[in-house]
Amino acid sequence: MGKKRNRRKEILDQIAWLEETYCDGCFLKSTFRKEYGKTYAQSFCIQQCTVGEQMRQYGEMLLSVPPRPRQ
């Protein structure tokens, strides 16, 4: 069970790294948000951005790893 928990943490760390590295300060994201609104910018990131595609793949991986039990 420890390996699954570690795998989940690794995936979450990768998502955080991608966001910090590529999404924070993204010119396209900020431009689309100003010109078309938050919904359009978010939709673009999810559907057309290569980083968004990578994040979506990590999200699918998270769904296959069970969450840590609450204590």
C-alpha atoms as a PDB file:
ATOM      1  CA  MET A   1       0.000   0.000   0.000  1.00  0.00           C
ATOM      2  CA  GLY A   2       2.927   2.357   0.639  1.00  0.00           C
ATOM      3  CA  LYS A   3       3.948   2.244  -3.009  1.00  0.00           C
ATOM      4  CA  LYS A   4       0.490   3.411  -4.105  1.00  0.00           C
ATOM      5  CA  ARG A   5       0.611   6.308  -1.654  1.00  0.00           C
ATOM      6  CA  ASN A   6       4.055   7.274  -2.882  1.00  0.00           C
ATOM      7  CA  ARG A   7       2.863   7.035  -6.493  1.00  0.00           C
ATOM      8  CA  ARG A   8      -0.055   9.337  -5.738  1.00  0.00           C
ATOM      9  CA  LYS A   9       2.262  11.879  -4.118  1.00  0.00           C
ATOM     10  CA  GLU A  10       4.650  11.679  -7.085  1.00  0.00           C
ATOM     11  CA  ILE A  11       1.791  12.396  -9.491  1.00  0.00           C
ATOM     12  CA  LEU A  12       0.559  15.346  -7.414  1.00  0.00           C
ATOM     13  CA  ASP A  13       4.119  16.693  -7.247  1.00  0.00           C
ATOM     14  CA  GLN A  14       4.420  16.432 -11.042  1.00  0.00           C
ATOM     15  CA  ILE A  15       1.156  18.328 -11.529  1.00  0.00           C
ATOM     16  CA  ALA A  16       2.310  21.054  -9.131  1.00  0.00           C
ATOM     17  CA  TRP A  17       5.679  21.282 -10.915  1.00  0.00           C
ATOM     18  CA  LEU A  18       4.021  21.601 -14.324  1.00  0.00           C
ATOM     19  CA  GLU A  19       1.727  24.344 -13.067  1.00  0.00           C
ATOM     20  CA  GLU A  20       4.520  26.288 -11.388  1.00  0.00           C
ATOM     21  CA  THR A  21       6.874  25.889 -14.339  1.00  0.00           C
ATOM     22  CA  TYR A  22       4.562  26.474 -17.283  1.00  0.00           C
ATOM     23  CA  CYS A  23       1.173  27.822 -16.181  1.00  0.00           C
ATOM     24  CA  ASP A  24       2.122  30.510 -13.678  1.00  0.00           C
ATOM     25  CA  GLY A  25       2.794  33.555 -15.819  1.00  0.00           C
ATOM     26  CA  CYS A  26       1.603  31.927 -19.072  1.00  0.00           C
ATOM     27  CA  PHE A  27       1.077  34.642 -21.676  1.00  0.00           C
ATOM     28  CA  LEU A  28      -1.681  32.784 -23.520  1.00  0.00           C
ATOM     29  CA  LYS A  29      -3.596  32.005 -20.352  1.00  0.00           C
ATOM     30  CA  SER A  30      -3.514  35.617 -19.160  1.00  0.00           C
ATOM     31  CA  THR A  31      -4.350  37.024 -22.593  1.00  0.00           C
ATOM     32  CA  PHE A  32      -7.276  34.681 -23.170  1.00  0.00           C
ATOM     33  CA  ARG A  33      -8.545  35.360 -19.680  1.00  0.00           C
ATOM     34  CA  LYS A  34      -8.514  39.127 -20.271  1.00  0.00           C
ATOM     35  CA  GLU A  35      -9.994  38.997 -23.763  1.00  0.00           C
ATOM     36  CA  TYR A  36     -12.462  36.101 -23.539  1.00  0.00           C
ATOM     37  CA  GLY A  37     -12.900  35.323 -19.841  1.00  0.00           C
ATOM     38  CA  LYS A  38     -11.832  32.668 -17.372  1.00  0.00           C
ATOM     39  CA  THR A  39     -13.971  29.892 -18.834  1.00  0.00           C
ATOM     40  CA  TYR A  40     -12.488  30.269 -22.320  1.00  0.00           C
ATOM     41  CA  ALA A  41      -8.925  30.409 -20.991  1.00  0.00           C
ATOM     42  CA  GLN A  42      -9.471  27.307 -18.878  1.00  0.00           C
ATOM     43  CA  SER A  43     -11.061  25.475 -21.781  1.00  0.00           C
ATOM     44  CA  PHE A  44      -8.115  26.346 -24.008  1.00  0.00           C
ATOM     45  CA  CYS A  45      -5.636  25.087 -21.422  1.00  0.00           C
ATOM     46  CA  ILE A  46      -7.474  21.798 -20.969  1.00  0.00           C
ATOM     47  CA  GLN A  47      -8.217  21.073 -24.627  1.00  0.00           C
ATOM     48  CA  GLN A  48      -5.427  22.624 -26.688  1.00  0.00           C
ATOM     49  CA  CYS A  49      -2.353  23.248 -24.550  1.00  0.00           C
ATOM     50  CA  THR A  50       0.287  20.499 -24.437  1.00  0.00           C
ATOM     51  CA  VAL A  51       0.871  21.151 -20.741  1.00  0.00           C
ATOM     52  CA  GLY A  52      -2.868  20.842 -20.103  1.00  0.00           C
ATOM     53  CA  GLU A  53      -2.838  17.523 -21.947  1.00  0.00           C
ATOM     54  CA  GLN A  54      -0.017  16.304 -19.726  1.00  0.00           C
ATOM     55  CA  MET A  55      -1.917  17.396 -16.616  1.00  0.00           C
ATOM     56  CA  ARG A  56      -5.013  15.596 -17.834  1.00  0.00           C
ATOM     57  CA  GLN A  57      -2.976  12.397 -18.243  1.00  0.00           C
ATOM     58  CA  TYR A  58      -1.672  12.759 -14.693  1.00  0.00           C
ATOM     59  CA  GLY A  59      -5.253  13.289 -13.528  1.00  0.00           C
ATOM     60  CA  GLU A  60      -6.293  10.032 -15.148  1.00  0.00           C
ATOM     61  CA  MET A  61      -3.397   8.319 -13.368  1.00  0.00           C
ATOM     62  CA  LEU A  62      -4.630   9.745 -10.064  1.00  0.00           C
ATOM     63  CA  LEU A  63      -8.025   8.201 -10.636  1.00  0.00           C
ATOM     64  CA  SER A  64      -6.425   4.766 -10.873  1.00  0.00           C
ATOM     65  CA  VAL A  65      -4.520   5.171  -7.578  1.00  0.00           C
ATOM     66  CA  PRO A  66      -6.741   4.948  -4.493  1.00  0.00           C
ATOM     67  CA  PRO A  67      -6.607   7.938  -2.121  1.00  0.00           C
ATOM     68  CA  ARG A  68      -4.906   7.771   1.229  1.00  0.00           C
ATOM     69  CA  PRO A  69      -7.320   6.621   3.945  1.00  0.00           C
ATOM     70  CA  ARG A  70      -8.398   9.335   6.380  1.00  0.00           C
ATOM     71  CA  GLN A  71      -7.411   8.948   9.990  1.00  0.00           C
END
